[in-house]
Amino acid sequence: SLRESILRSRPNTGLSGPFGPWLAVPSIAMPSQELGRVCRYETSLSKRESELVILLTGARFKSEGEFDIHVGEARRAGIGMEV
């Protein structure tokens, strides 16, 4: 199911962010989930580089939720708090 697909792709963060509301509109949720998965996991970027880009984007656009969600992922990917 869509819910399980989202949870599998986000084992540490669950349905936080836009994912919970997306469940109400599967026609938006499925393509958005797939786009996010490809952008995050199927690029030439390392996990560390990917998380750094996500943090920089979250900071630039003052997206506290995105930043808060990914700070733990970034730390696990080897990005220090000084960044």
PDB file of N, CA and C in Angstrom:
ATOM      1  N   SER A   1       0.829  -1.191   0.000  1.00  0.00           N
ATOM      2  CA  SER A   1       0.000   0.000   0.000  1.00  0.00           C
ATOM      3  C   SER A   1       0.876   1.258   0.000  1.00  0.00           C
ATOM      4  N   LEU A   2       0.270   2.369  -0.291  1.00  0.00           N
ATOM      5  CA  LEU A   2       0.966   3.644  -0.327  1.00  0.00           C
ATOM      6  C   LEU A   2       1.592   3.968   1.020  1.00  0.00           C
ATOM      7  N   ARG A   3       0.841   3.779   2.081  1.00  0.00           N
ATOM      8  CA  ARG A   3       1.348   4.068   3.431  1.00  0.00           C
ATOM      9  C   ARG A   3       2.603   3.254   3.730  1.00  0.00           C
ATOM     10  N   GLU A   4       2.573   1.963   3.448  1.00  0.00           N
ATOM     11  CA  GLU A   4       3.729   1.108   3.701  1.00  0.00           C
ATOM     12  C   GLU A   4       4.916   1.504   2.834  1.00  0.00           C
ATOM     13  N   SER A   5       4.657   1.896   1.599  1.00  0.00           N
ATOM     14  CA  SER A   5       5.725   2.336   0.698  1.00  0.00           C
ATOM     15  C   SER A   5       6.427   3.575   1.261  1.00  0.00           C
ATOM     16  N   ILE A   6       5.652   4.513   1.755  1.00  0.00           N
ATOM     17  CA  ILE A   6       6.230   5.725   2.346  1.00  0.00           C
ATOM     18  C   ILE A   6       7.027   5.362   3.592  1.00  0.00           C
ATOM     19  N   LEU A   7       6.456   4.555   4.462  1.00  0.00           N
ATOM     20  CA  LEU A   7       7.152   4.183   5.700  1.00  0.00           C
ATOM     21  C   LEU A   7       8.443   3.408   5.429  1.00  0.00           C
ATOM     22  N   ARG A   8       8.446   2.540   4.423  1.00  0.00           N
ATOM     23  CA  ARG A   8       9.669   1.808   4.072  1.00  0.00           C
ATOM     24  C   ARG A   8      10.770   2.749   3.609  1.00  0.00           C
ATOM     25  N   SER A   9      10.399   3.803   2.902  1.00  0.00           N
ATOM     26  CA  SER A   9      11.403   4.735   2.386  1.00  0.00           C
ATOM     27  C   SER A   9      11.871   5.725   3.452  1.00  0.00           C
ATOM     28  N   ARG A  10      11.204   5.758   4.597  1.00  0.00           N
ATOM     29  CA  ARG A  10      11.526   6.717   5.651  1.00  0.00           C
ATOM     30  C   ARG A  10      11.542   6.029   7.013  1.00  0.00           C
ATOM     31  N   PRO A  11      12.430   5.058   7.212  1.00  0.00           N
ATOM     32  CA  PRO A  11      12.388   4.264   8.448  1.00  0.00           C
ATOM     33  C   PRO A  11      12.640   5.072   9.714  1.00  0.00           C
ATOM     34  N   ASN A  12      13.332   6.178   9.613  1.00  0.00           N
ATOM     35  CA  ASN A  12      13.656   6.957  10.817  1.00  0.00           C
ATOM     36  C   ASN A  12      12.700   8.109  11.082  1.00  0.00           C
ATOM     37  N   THR A  13      11.895   8.484  10.095  1.00  0.00           N
ATOM     38  CA  THR A  13      11.062   9.677  10.262  1.00  0.00           C
ATOM     39  C   THR A  13       9.572   9.452  10.068  1.00  0.00           C
ATOM     40  N   GLY A  14       9.170   8.304   9.609  1.00  0.00           N
ATOM     41  CA  GLY A  14       7.749   8.004   9.495  1.00  0.00           C
ATOM     42  C   GLY A  14       7.005   8.915   8.542  1.00  0.00           C
ATOM     43  N   LEU A  15       5.830   9.337   8.945  1.00  0.00           N
ATOM     44  CA  LEU A  15       4.957  10.134   8.084  1.00  0.00           C
ATOM     45  C   LEU A  15       5.061  11.633   8.361  1.00  0.00           C
ATOM     46  N   SER A  16       6.182  12.076   8.933  1.00  0.00           N
ATOM     47  CA  SER A  16       6.339  13.507   9.186  1.00  0.00           C
ATOM     48  C   SER A  16       6.454  14.261   7.863  1.00  0.00           C
ATOM     49  N   GLY A  17       6.330  15.563   7.940  1.00  0.00           N
ATOM     50  CA  GLY A  17       6.385  16.384   6.731  1.00  0.00           C
ATOM     51  C   GLY A  17       5.097  16.257   5.934  1.00  0.00           C
ATOM     52  N   PRO A  18       5.185  16.254   4.609  1.00  0.00           N
ATOM     53  CA  PRO A  18       3.972  16.236   3.777  1.00  0.00           C
ATOM     54  C   PRO A  18       3.357  14.855   3.617  1.00  0.00           C
ATOM     55  N   PHE A  19       4.035  13.836   4.123  1.00  0.00           N
ATOM     56  CA  PHE A  19       3.643  12.464   3.793  1.00  0.00           C
ATOM     57  C   PHE A  19       2.302  12.050   4.378  1.00  0.00           C
ATOM     58  N   GLY A  20       2.002  12.454   5.585  1.00  0.00           N
ATOM     59  CA  GLY A  20       0.702  12.130   6.170  1.00  0.00           C
ATOM     60  C   GLY A  20      -0.448  12.703   5.356  1.00  0.00           C
ATOM     61  N   PRO A  21      -0.429  14.026   5.081  1.00  0.00           N
ATOM     62  CA  PRO A  21      -1.502  14.602   4.259  1.00  0.00           C
ATOM     63  C   PRO A  21      -1.580  14.013   2.853  1.00  0.00           C
ATOM     64  N   TRP A  22      -0.436  13.605   2.293  1.00  0.00           N
ATOM     65  CA  TRP A  22      -0.459  13.008   0.961  1.00  0.00           C
ATOM     66  C   TRP A  22      -1.344  11.779   0.907  1.00  0.00           C
ATOM     67  N   LEU A  23      -1.451  11.062   2.007  1.00  0.00           N
ATOM     68  CA  LEU A  23      -2.250   9.838   2.001  1.00  0.00           C
ATOM     69  C   LEU A  23      -3.703  10.105   1.633  1.00  0.00           C
ATOM     70  N   ALA A  24      -4.147  11.334   1.857  1.00  0.00           N
ATOM     71  CA  ALA A  24      -5.530  11.690   1.515  1.00  0.00           C
ATOM     72  C   ALA A  24      -5.724  11.863   0.011  1.00  0.00           C
ATOM     73  N   VAL A  25      -4.608  12.031  -0.727  1.00  0.00           N
ATOM     74  CA  VAL A  25      -4.694  12.255  -2.177  1.00  0.00           C
ATOM     75  C   VAL A  25      -3.678  11.347  -2.879  1.00  0.00           C
ATOM     76  N   PRO A  26      -4.001  10.072  -3.011  1.00  0.00           N
ATOM     77  CA  PRO A  26      -3.053   9.129  -3.599  1.00  0.00           C
ATOM     78  C   PRO A  26      -2.558   9.516  -4.994  1.00  0.00           C
ATOM     79  N   SER A  27      -3.369  10.207  -5.779  1.00  0.00           N
ATOM     80  CA  SER A  27      -2.930  10.586  -7.131  1.00  0.00           C
ATOM     81  C   SER A  27      -1.788  11.601  -7.095  1.00  0.00           C
ATOM     82  N   ILE A  28      -1.646  12.309  -5.995  1.00  0.00           N
ATOM     83  CA  ILE A  28      -0.511  13.205  -5.793  1.00  0.00           C
ATOM     84  C   ILE A  28       0.604  12.476  -5.052  1.00  0.00           C
ATOM     85  N   ALA A  29       0.230  11.668  -4.092  1.00  0.00           N
ATOM     86  CA  ALA A  29       1.204  11.007  -3.231  1.00  0.00           C
ATOM     87  C   ALA A  29       2.129  10.056  -3.984  1.00  0.00           C
ATOM     88  N   MET A  30       1.587   9.216  -4.837  1.00  0.00           N
ATOM     89  CA  MET A  30       2.424   8.217  -5.515  1.00  0.00           C
ATOM     90  C   MET A  30       3.491   8.867  -6.394  1.00  0.00           C
ATOM     91  N   PRO A  31       3.139   9.793  -7.293  1.00  0.00           N
ATOM     92  CA  PRO A  31       4.193  10.406  -8.110  1.00  0.00           C
ATOM     93  C   PRO A  31       5.177  11.235  -7.271  1.00  0.00           C
ATOM     94  N   SER A  32       4.687  11.883  -6.239  1.00  0.00           N
ATOM     95  CA  SER A  32       5.567  12.686  -5.380  1.00  0.00           C
ATOM     96  C   SER A  32       6.529  11.795  -4.620  1.00  0.00           C
ATOM     97  N   GLN A  33       6.034  10.691  -4.107  1.00  0.00           N
ATOM     98  CA  GLN A  33       6.872   9.720  -3.394  1.00  0.00           C
ATOM     99  C   GLN A  33       7.950   9.174  -4.326  1.00  0.00           C
ATOM    100  N   GLU A  34       7.577   8.840  -5.530  1.00  0.00           N
ATOM    101  CA  GLU A  34       8.538   8.294  -6.499  1.00  0.00           C
ATOM    102  C   GLU A  34       9.574   9.347  -6.888  1.00  0.00           C
ATOM    103  N   LEU A  35       9.148  10.573  -7.125  1.00  0.00           N
ATOM    104  CA  LEU A  35      10.081  11.651  -7.459  1.00  0.00           C
ATOM    105  C   LEU A  35      11.085  11.858  -6.326  1.00  0.00           C
ATOM    106  N   GLY A  36      10.601  11.924  -5.110  1.00  0.00           N
ATOM    107  CA  GLY A  36      11.482  12.098  -3.958  1.00  0.00           C
ATOM    108  C   GLY A  36      12.468  10.959  -3.816  1.00  0.00           C
ATOM    109  N   ARG A  37      12.016   9.749  -4.025  1.00  0.00           N
ATOM    110  CA  ARG A  37      12.890   8.583  -3.914  1.00  0.00           C
ATOM    111  C   ARG A  37      14.000   8.646  -4.958  1.00  0.00           C
ATOM    112  N   VAL A  38      13.646   8.946  -6.185  1.00  0.00           N
ATOM    113  CA  VAL A  38      14.639   9.007  -7.252  1.00  0.00           C
ATOM    114  C   VAL A  38      15.631  10.145  -6.997  1.00  0.00           C
ATOM    115  N   CYS A  39      15.128  11.307  -6.623  1.00  0.00           N
ATOM    116  CA  CYS A  39      16.012  12.453  -6.368  1.00  0.00           C
ATOM    117  C   CYS A  39      16.968  12.191  -5.210  1.00  0.00           C
ATOM    118  N   ARG A  40      16.526  11.449  -4.245  1.00  0.00           N
ATOM    119  CA  ARG A  40      17.351  11.236  -3.051  1.00  0.00           C
ATOM    120  C   ARG A  40      18.282  10.031  -3.172  1.00  0.00           C
ATOM    121  N   TYR A  41      17.827   8.967  -3.793  1.00  0.00           N
ATOM    122  CA  TYR A  41      18.587   7.720  -3.759  1.00  0.00           C
ATOM    123  C   TYR A  41      19.166   7.268  -5.097  1.00  0.00           C
ATOM    124  N   GLU A  42      18.741   7.854  -6.197  1.00  0.00           N
ATOM    125  CA  GLU A  42      19.209   7.384  -7.502  1.00  0.00           C
ATOM    126  C   GLU A  42      19.959   8.475  -8.249  1.00  0.00           C
ATOM    127  N   THR A  43      20.853   9.160  -7.556  1.00  0.00           N
ATOM    128  CA  THR A  43      21.694  10.176  -8.173  1.00  0.00           C
ATOM    129  C   THR A  43      23.151   9.775  -7.990  1.00  0.00           C
ATOM    130  N   SER A  44      24.030  10.558  -8.544  1.00  0.00           N
ATOM    131  CA  SER A  44      25.462  10.297  -8.375  1.00  0.00           C
ATOM    132  C   SER A  44      25.983  10.841  -7.048  1.00  0.00           C
ATOM    133  N   LEU A  45      25.117  11.511  -6.276  1.00  0.00           N
ATOM    134  CA  LEU A  45      25.536  12.074  -4.993  1.00  0.00           C
ATOM    135  C   LEU A  45      25.688  10.978  -3.944  1.00  0.00           C
ATOM    136  N   SER A  46      26.695  11.136  -3.098  1.00  0.00           N
ATOM    137  CA  SER A  46      26.831  10.240  -1.951  1.00  0.00           C
ATOM    138  C   SER A  46      25.741  10.594  -0.940  1.00  0.00           C
ATOM    139  N   LYS A  47      25.527   9.730   0.031  1.00  0.00           N
ATOM    140  CA  LYS A  47      24.541  10.008   1.106  1.00  0.00           C
ATOM    141  C   LYS A  47      24.900  11.326   1.797  1.00  0.00           C
ATOM    142  N   ARG A  48      26.185  11.520   2.068  1.00  0.00           N
ATOM    143  CA  ARG A  48      26.653  12.739   2.734  1.00  0.00           C
ATOM    144  C   ARG A  48      26.341  13.975   1.876  1.00  0.00           C
ATOM    145  N   GLU A  49      26.658  13.914   0.601  1.00  0.00           N
ATOM    146  CA  GLU A  49      26.388  15.043  -0.299  1.00  0.00           C
ATOM    147  C   GLU A  49      24.894  15.320  -0.410  1.00  0.00           C
ATOM    148  N   SER A  50      24.111  14.266  -0.516  1.00  0.00           N
ATOM    149  CA  SER A  50      22.659  14.419  -0.617  1.00  0.00           C
ATOM    150  C   SER A  50      22.095  15.111   0.615  1.00  0.00           C
ATOM    151  N   GLU A  51      22.500  14.669   1.793  1.00  0.00           N
ATOM    152  CA  GLU A  51      21.994  15.277   3.023  1.00  0.00           C
ATOM    153  C   GLU A  51      22.464  16.723   3.162  1.00  0.00           C
ATOM    154  N   LEU A  52      23.681  17.020   2.720  1.00  0.00           N
ATOM    155  CA  LEU A  52      24.172  18.393   2.770  1.00  0.00           C
ATOM    156  C   LEU A  52      23.323  19.297   1.869  1.00  0.00           C
ATOM    157  N   VAL A  53      23.012  18.839   0.669  1.00  0.00           N
ATOM    158  CA  VAL A  53      22.167  19.615  -0.241  1.00  0.00           C
ATOM    159  C   VAL A  53      20.785  19.826   0.367  1.00  0.00           C
ATOM    160  N   ILE A  54      20.234  18.801   0.978  1.00  0.00           N
ATOM    161  CA  ILE A  54      18.914  18.924   1.607  1.00  0.00           C
ATOM    162  C   ILE A  54      18.957  19.951   2.740  1.00  0.00           C
ATOM    163  N   LEU A  55      19.996  19.894   3.574  1.00  0.00           N
ATOM    164  CA  LEU A  55      20.117  20.861   4.673  1.00  0.00           C
ATOM    165  C   LEU A  55      20.284  22.283   4.146  1.00  0.00           C
ATOM    166  N   LEU A  56      21.115  22.454   3.137  1.00  0.00           N
ATOM    167  CA  LEU A  56      21.324  23.790   2.572  1.00  0.00           C
ATOM    168  C   LEU A  56      20.039  24.346   1.961  1.00  0.00           C
ATOM    169  N   THR A  57      19.297  23.490   1.289  1.00  0.00           N
ATOM    170  CA  THR A  57      18.028  23.906   0.694  1.00  0.00           C
ATOM    171  C   THR A  57      17.016  24.264   1.785  1.00  0.00           C
ATOM    172  N   GLY A  58      16.933  23.424   2.812  1.00  0.00           N
ATOM    173  CA  GLY A  58      16.029  23.707   3.932  1.00  0.00           C
ATOM    174  C   GLY A  58      16.378  25.016   4.614  1.00  0.00           C
ATOM    175  N   ALA A  59      17.673  25.264   4.809  1.00  0.00           N
ATOM    176  CA  ALA A  59      18.105  26.512   5.451  1.00  0.00           C
ATOM    177  C   ALA A  59      17.813  27.715   4.558  1.00  0.00           C
ATOM    178  N   ARG A  60      18.109  27.602   3.284  1.00  0.00           N
ATOM    179  CA  ARG A  60      17.906  28.713   2.346  1.00  0.00           C
ATOM    180  C   ARG A  60      16.445  29.147   2.292  1.00  0.00           C
ATOM    181  N   PHE A  61      15.548  28.175   2.309  1.00  0.00           N
ATOM    182  CA  PHE A  61      14.123  28.483   2.194  1.00  0.00           C
ATOM    183  C   PHE A  61      13.414  28.513   3.549  1.00  0.00           C
ATOM    184  N   LYS A  62      14.218  28.522   4.621  1.00  0.00           N
ATOM    185  CA  LYS A  62      13.690  28.615   5.987  1.00  0.00           C
ATOM    186  C   LYS A  62      12.632  27.553   6.272  1.00  0.00           C
ATOM    187  N   SER A  63      12.919  26.345   5.800  1.00  0.00           N
ATOM    188  CA  SER A  63      12.019  25.214   6.010  1.00  0.00           C
ATOM    189  C   SER A  63      12.486  24.454   7.254  1.00  0.00           C
ATOM    190  N   GLU A  64      12.036  24.914   8.396  1.00  0.00           N
ATOM    191  CA  GLU A  64      12.483  24.322   9.658  1.00  0.00           C
ATOM    192  C   GLU A  64      12.161  22.830   9.738  1.00  0.00           C
ATOM    193  N   GLY A  65      11.013  22.444   9.244  1.00  0.00           N
ATOM    194  CA  GLY A  65      10.624  21.033   9.292  1.00  0.00           C
ATOM    195  C   GLY A  65      11.586  20.170   8.495  1.00  0.00           C
ATOM    196  N   GLU A  66      11.891  20.590   7.280  1.00  0.00           N
ATOM    197  CA  GLU A  66      12.817  19.832   6.436  1.00  0.00           C
ATOM    198  C   GLU A  66      14.191  19.763   7.090  1.00  0.00           C
ATOM    199  N   PHE A  67      14.637  20.889   7.608  1.00  0.00           N
ATOM    200  CA  PHE A  67      15.945  20.943   8.266  1.00  0.00           C
ATOM    201  C   PHE A  67      15.952  20.015   9.478  1.00  0.00           C
ATOM    202  N   ASP A  68      14.929  20.113  10.319  1.00  0.00           N
ATOM    203  CA  ASP A  68      14.869  19.293  11.538  1.00  0.00           C
ATOM    204  C   ASP A  68      14.831  17.801  11.222  1.00  0.00           C
ATOM    205  N   ILE A  69      14.088  17.430  10.201  1.00  0.00           N
ATOM    206  CA  ILE A  69      13.985  16.024   9.821  1.00  0.00           C
ATOM    207  C   ILE A  69      15.334  15.497   9.347  1.00  0.00           C
ATOM    208  N   HIS A  70      16.062  16.299   8.581  1.00  0.00           N
ATOM    209  CA  HIS A  70      17.282  15.806   7.952  1.00  0.00           C
ATOM    210  C   HIS A  70      18.550  16.008   8.761  1.00  0.00           C
ATOM    211  N   VAL A  71      18.501  16.770   9.832  1.00  0.00           N
ATOM    212  CA  VAL A  71      19.725  16.976  10.600  1.00  0.00           C
ATOM    213  C   VAL A  71      20.241  15.647  11.170  1.00  0.00           C
ATOM    214  N   GLY A  72      19.353  14.799  11.632  1.00  0.00           N
ATOM    215  CA  GLY A  72      19.761  13.489  12.138  1.00  0.00           C
ATOM    216  C   GLY A  72      20.316  12.606  11.033  1.00  0.00           C
ATOM    217  N   GLU A  73      19.680  12.636   9.876  1.00  0.00           N
ATOM    218  CA  GLU A  73      20.170  11.871   8.724  1.00  0.00           C
ATOM    219  C   GLU A  73      21.556  12.366   8.314  1.00  0.00           C
ATOM    220  N   ALA A  74      21.735  13.679   8.332  1.00  0.00           N
ATOM    221  CA  ALA A  74      23.028  14.266   7.965  1.00  0.00           C
ATOM    222  C   ALA A  74      24.112  13.848   8.952  1.00  0.00           C
ATOM    223  N   ARG A  75      23.790  13.848  10.220  1.00  0.00           N
ATOM    224  CA  ARG A  75      24.769  13.431  11.246  1.00  0.00           C
ATOM    225  C   ARG A  75      25.173  11.973  11.018  1.00  0.00           C
ATOM    226  N   ARG A  76      24.191  11.115  10.735  1.00  0.00           N
ATOM    227  CA  ARG A  76      24.482   9.707  10.476  1.00  0.00           C
ATOM    228  C   ARG A  76      25.325   9.532   9.199  1.00  0.00           C
ATOM    229  N   ALA A  77      25.209  10.497   8.268  1.00  0.00           N
ATOM    230  CA  ALA A  77      25.978  10.438   7.022  1.00  0.00           C
ATOM    231  C   ALA A  77      27.366  11.044   7.173  1.00  0.00           C
ATOM    232  N   GLY A  78      27.689  11.528   8.384  1.00  0.00           N
ATOM    233  CA  GLY A  78      29.042  12.028   8.640  1.00  0.00           C
ATOM    234  C   GLY A  78      29.202  13.527   8.575  1.00  0.00           C
ATOM    235  N   ILE A  79      28.105  14.259   8.559  1.00  0.00           N
ATOM    236  CA  ILE A  79      28.194  15.714   8.553  1.00  0.00           C
ATOM    237  C   ILE A  79      28.209  16.207   9.992  1.00  0.00           C
ATOM    238  N   GLY A  80      29.226  16.959  10.349  1.00  0.00           N
ATOM    239  CA  GLY A  80      29.379  17.453  11.706  1.00  0.00           C
ATOM    240  C   GLY A  80      28.462  18.626  12.023  1.00  0.00           C
ATOM    241  N   MET A  81      28.232  18.854  13.281  1.00  0.00           N
ATOM    242  CA  MET A  81      27.363  19.954  13.718  1.00  0.00           C
ATOM    243  C   MET A  81      27.924  21.322  13.350  1.00  0.00           C
ATOM    244  N   GLU A  82      29.243  21.419  13.125  1.00  0.00           N
ATOM    245  CA  GLU A  82      29.820  22.702  12.758  1.00  0.00           C
ATOM    246  C   GLU A  82      29.331  23.178  11.386  1.00  0.00           C
ATOM    247  N   VAL A  83      28.875  22.244  10.549  1.00  0.00           N
ATOM    248  CA  VAL A  83      28.334  22.614   9.241  1.00  0.00           C
ATOM    249  C   VAL A  83      26.994  23.284   9.455  1.00  0.00           C
TER     250      VAL A  83
END
